[in-house]
Amino acid sequence: MIATNTGFGRLQFILLLVLWGSATPLWAGDLSVSVIDDQGELVENAVVVLHPLFDDDWSTLEPQALLMKQQGAMFRPFVLAVGTASTVSFPNLDEFRHQVYSYSKAKRIELRLYGMDESKTVLFDRAGIVALGCNIHDNMLAYIYVSDEPYHVVSDAQGMALIRDVRPGDYEMTIWHPDQKKRRQSYMQSLSVLADSAAVAARIEMRSSRRQQKSPASAGY
């Protein structure tokens, strides 16, 4: 079960569903967040972050080692969420070379030309949003959301973000998407996790035109 405070921010909860509940253990259950836009359409690639409003021992949360593939002259995935102190490898699965770069404040990247089956790894040690590009293929675009919070998940093609093992307590939940109307302001909502597992749906305002990677065919390759 969760309780929400709709007056906290612009994120509007439209559904509250208790899946099952019992006495709160040290580790609570899963929180499912369904993200939709202001037209009622499911939103893929939204980053859902829970910010704990209580003190606890988060030392059991280890840094991650994740992948941002280059395949078919596209980054895969389009949006990746990682924790601070995590590493991301950039394997090139194409038969031609890539040169990955970012001028973002959270992380400046310049991975000089490298070819098929080669990979380079980058440490992300500062929270923020990192926009990626390729100096060789202008169609390539992706984002890495670096979070210093313990819970951060990207919504899938069905608009669902599943956050596992959420500890009971009070949180602020923010949702970020590269196409939200106010890019510098994540949508925010306060909530309290009170029992094992629950699900909510959240509506965010999106731009009418969406950023996306163009396929190599449409980009002229």
Foldseek 3Di string as FASTA:
>chain_A
DKFWDQVPWDKDWDDWWDPDFDAADQWFWKEKEFEAAPVRHGDFFKKKAKAAPDDDDPVVQDFEEEEFEQDQNETPPQEAEGEAQHKYKYAYQDQAWWWKFWPDPQDTDTRPIDGHRDMDMDHRHGADKTWMDTPVQRLYIHIYGYDNGRWMFTAHPRRMTMTGRHHFHKIKMWIADCFAPDRVDTTIIIMTRRGHYIYIYIYGHGDPDDDDRDRCVVSPD
